[in-house]
Amino acid sequence: MSVKQISVSLDNVPGQFLRVSEYLGSEGINIRAISVADTSDISTVRFVSDNPEKTVNVLKSHGYSVKETEVLAVEIPDHPGALQAVLKPLKAADINVLYLYTFLGKGESGQPIVIVGVDRTEEAIEVLNRNWVHTFGKEIYAL
């Protein structure tokens, strides 16, 4: 199971993400996980919302170029070193972790969730499921 991540590139000037947030908020869209990577001129904003299809439509209607990517939403235990339960099986399968960031909430069991971008999403899901790592699908949008 994977989830949809939305990415937009914004000029690295004050107020750019505020505008995106206002557009989404006015449409009742909630950002559930977010990561921002910047360069001197451009910021790349990656996020998971509670309604990816509506998010894409809203952003495109305001002239944004939007990229959709399948990513993993993975529940991890809340203790030191717990991320190894995710990273070790992926490394053993030679799957590259491109980035990860935290979800703004917890899973049904109260454990933290991380969003993980990998180079081979479907294979990563199989590897993690074989190693008893809980991945989320569309239910993540309702958490």
Protein backbone atom coordinates (compact mmCIF):
# COMPACT_ATOMS: atom_id res chain seq x y z
CA MET A 1 0.00 0.00 0.00
CA SER A 2 1.29 3.42 -0.89
CA VAL A 3 0.00 6.96 -0.52
CA LYS A 4 0.11 10.01 -2.78
CA GLN A 5 2.62 12.73 -2.12
CA ILE A 6 2.15 16.14 -3.71
CA SER A 7 5.21 18.23 -4.63
CA VAL A 8 5.38 21.84 -5.73
CA SER A 9 8.35 24.08 -6.42
CA LEU A 10 8.06 27.61 -5.09
CA ASP A 11 10.19 30.70 -5.49
CA ASN A 12 12.23 31.11 -2.35
CA VAL A 13 10.66 34.40 -1.27
CA PRO A 14 8.44 35.29 1.70
CA GLY A 15 4.79 34.30 1.49
CA GLN A 16 4.94 31.66 -1.23
CA PHE A 17 3.91 28.72 0.94
CA LEU A 18 1.44 30.92 2.84
CA ARG A 19 -0.45 31.35 -0.43
CA VAL A 20 -0.53 27.56 -1.00
CA SER A 21 -1.69 27.02 2.58
CA GLU A 22 -4.46 29.60 2.17
CA TYR A 23 -5.72 28.00 -1.06
CA LEU A 24 -5.80 24.54 0.52
CA GLY A 25 -7.25 25.72 3.83
CA SER A 26 -10.08 27.60 2.14
CA GLU A 27 -11.04 24.34 0.41
CA GLY A 28 -10.97 22.36 3.68
CA ILE A 29 -7.81 20.45 2.78
CA ASN A 30 -5.57 19.43 5.68
CA ILE A 31 -1.82 18.89 5.28
CA ARG A 32 -0.91 15.75 7.24
CA ALA A 33 2.84 15.51 6.55
CA ILE A 34 5.26 18.05 5.10
CA SER A 35 8.88 18.47 4.08
CA VAL A 36 10.57 21.52 2.59
CA ALA A 37 13.98 21.47 0.89
CA ASP A 38 15.40 24.76 -0.26
CA THR A 39 18.07 26.10 -2.54
CA SER A 40 18.96 29.75 -2.92
CA ASP A 41 16.19 30.31 -5.50
CA ILE A 42 13.63 27.50 -5.20
CA SER A 43 12.00 25.54 -2.40
CA THR A 44 10.59 22.09 -3.08
CA VAL A 45 7.62 21.35 -0.86
CA ARG A 46 6.58 17.70 -0.49
CA PHE A 47 3.45 16.87 1.45
CA VAL A 48 0.65 14.42 2.06
CA SER A 49 -2.83 15.89 2.43
CA ASP A 50 -6.08 14.34 3.55
CA ASN A 51 -7.47 14.62 -0.01
CA PRO A 52 -4.77 14.31 -2.68
CA GLU A 53 -7.08 14.49 -5.69
CA LYS A 54 -8.73 17.69 -4.50
CA THR A 55 -5.31 19.10 -3.53
CA VAL A 56 -3.99 18.61 -7.06
CA ASN A 57 -7.09 20.20 -8.58
CA VAL A 58 -6.93 23.24 -6.28
CA LEU A 59 -3.23 23.84 -6.87
CA LYS A 60 -3.50 23.40 -10.64
CA SER A 61 -6.45 25.79 -10.74
CA HIS A 62 -4.17 28.43 -9.20
CA GLY A 63 -1.43 27.84 -11.77
CA TYR A 64 0.93 25.60 -9.82
CA SER A 65 2.87 22.83 -11.50
CA VAL A 66 2.17 19.79 -9.35
CA LYS A 67 3.98 16.47 -9.20
CA GLU A 68 2.33 13.38 -7.70
CA THR A 69 4.51 10.58 -6.34
CA GLU A 70 3.69 7.28 -4.67
CA VAL A 71 5.41 7.10 -1.27
CA LEU A 72 5.27 4.85 1.77
CA ALA A 73 3.57 5.74 5.04
CA VAL A 74 5.20 3.50 7.63
CA GLU A 75 4.45 3.05 11.32
CA ILE A 76 7.52 2.79 13.54
CA PRO A 77 7.89 2.07 17.25
CA ASP A 78 8.73 5.04 19.45
CA HIS A 79 12.13 4.09 20.85
CA PRO A 80 15.79 4.71 20.00
CA GLY A 81 16.92 2.89 16.89
CA ALA A 82 13.39 1.96 15.79
CA LEU A 83 13.90 3.35 12.30
CA GLN A 84 16.29 0.45 11.68
CA ALA A 85 13.24 -1.84 11.38
CA VAL A 86 12.43 0.03 8.17
CA LEU A 87 15.92 0.86 6.89
CA LYS A 88 17.62 -2.53 7.31
CA PRO A 89 15.16 -4.57 5.19
CA LEU A 90 15.22 -1.90 2.49
CA LYS A 91 19.02 -1.91 2.42
CA ALA A 92 19.10 -5.72 2.30
CA ALA A 93 16.82 -5.56 -0.77
CA ASP A 94 19.06 -2.86 -2.33
CA ILE A 95 16.20 -0.34 -2.26
CA ASN A 96 17.38 3.24 -2.03
CA VAL A 97 15.72 5.56 0.50
CA LEU A 98 15.60 8.94 -1.22
CA TYR A 99 14.10 10.92 1.68
CA LEU A 100 11.84 10.62 4.68
CA TYR A 101 9.84 12.95 6.89
CA THR A 102 7.36 12.67 9.72
CA PHE A 103 3.59 12.46 9.54
CA LEU A 104 1.76 14.97 11.74
CA GLY A 105 -0.12 12.40 13.78
CA LYS A 106 0.09 8.83 14.97
CA GLY A 107 -1.16 5.49 13.75
CA GLU A 108 -4.06 3.57 15.21
CA SER A 109 -1.73 1.95 17.74
CA GLY A 110 -0.42 5.36 18.82
CA GLN A 111 2.98 4.87 17.16
CA PRO A 112 4.70 7.52 14.99
CA ILE A 113 4.42 7.42 11.21
CA VAL A 114 7.09 8.41 8.70
CA ILE A 115 6.68 9.13 5.00
CA VAL A 116 9.39 7.41 2.97
CA GLY A 117 10.32 8.04 -0.65
CA VAL A 118 12.17 5.13 -2.25
CA ASP A 119 13.37 4.23 -5.72
CA ARG A 120 11.16 1.09 -6.00
CA THR A 121 7.90 1.66 -4.13
CA GLU A 122 6.02 -1.58 -4.84
CA GLU A 123 9.00 -3.76 -4.06
CA ALA A 124 9.64 -1.78 -0.86
CA ILE A 125 6.08 -2.43 0.31
CA GLU A 126 6.54 -6.17 -0.21
CA VAL A 127 9.88 -6.16 1.61
CA LEU A 128 8.49 -4.22 4.59
CA ASN A 129 5.36 -6.36 4.85
CA ARG A 130 7.52 -9.52 4.88
CA ASN A 131 9.43 -7.94 7.78
CA TRP A 132 6.29 -7.16 9.78
CA VAL A 133 6.48 -3.40 9.18
CA HIS A 134 3.02 -1.83 9.01
CA THR A 135 2.48 0.31 5.92
CA PHE A 136 -0.61 2.43 5.35
CA GLY A 137 -2.73 2.91 2.27
CA LYS A 138 -5.67 5.24 1.74
CA GLU A 139 -6.65 4.99 5.42
CA ILE A 140 -3.79 7.42 6.13
CA TYR A 141 -5.90 10.26 4.73
CA ALA A 142 -8.43 9.84 7.55
CA LEU A 143 -5.95 9.78 10.46
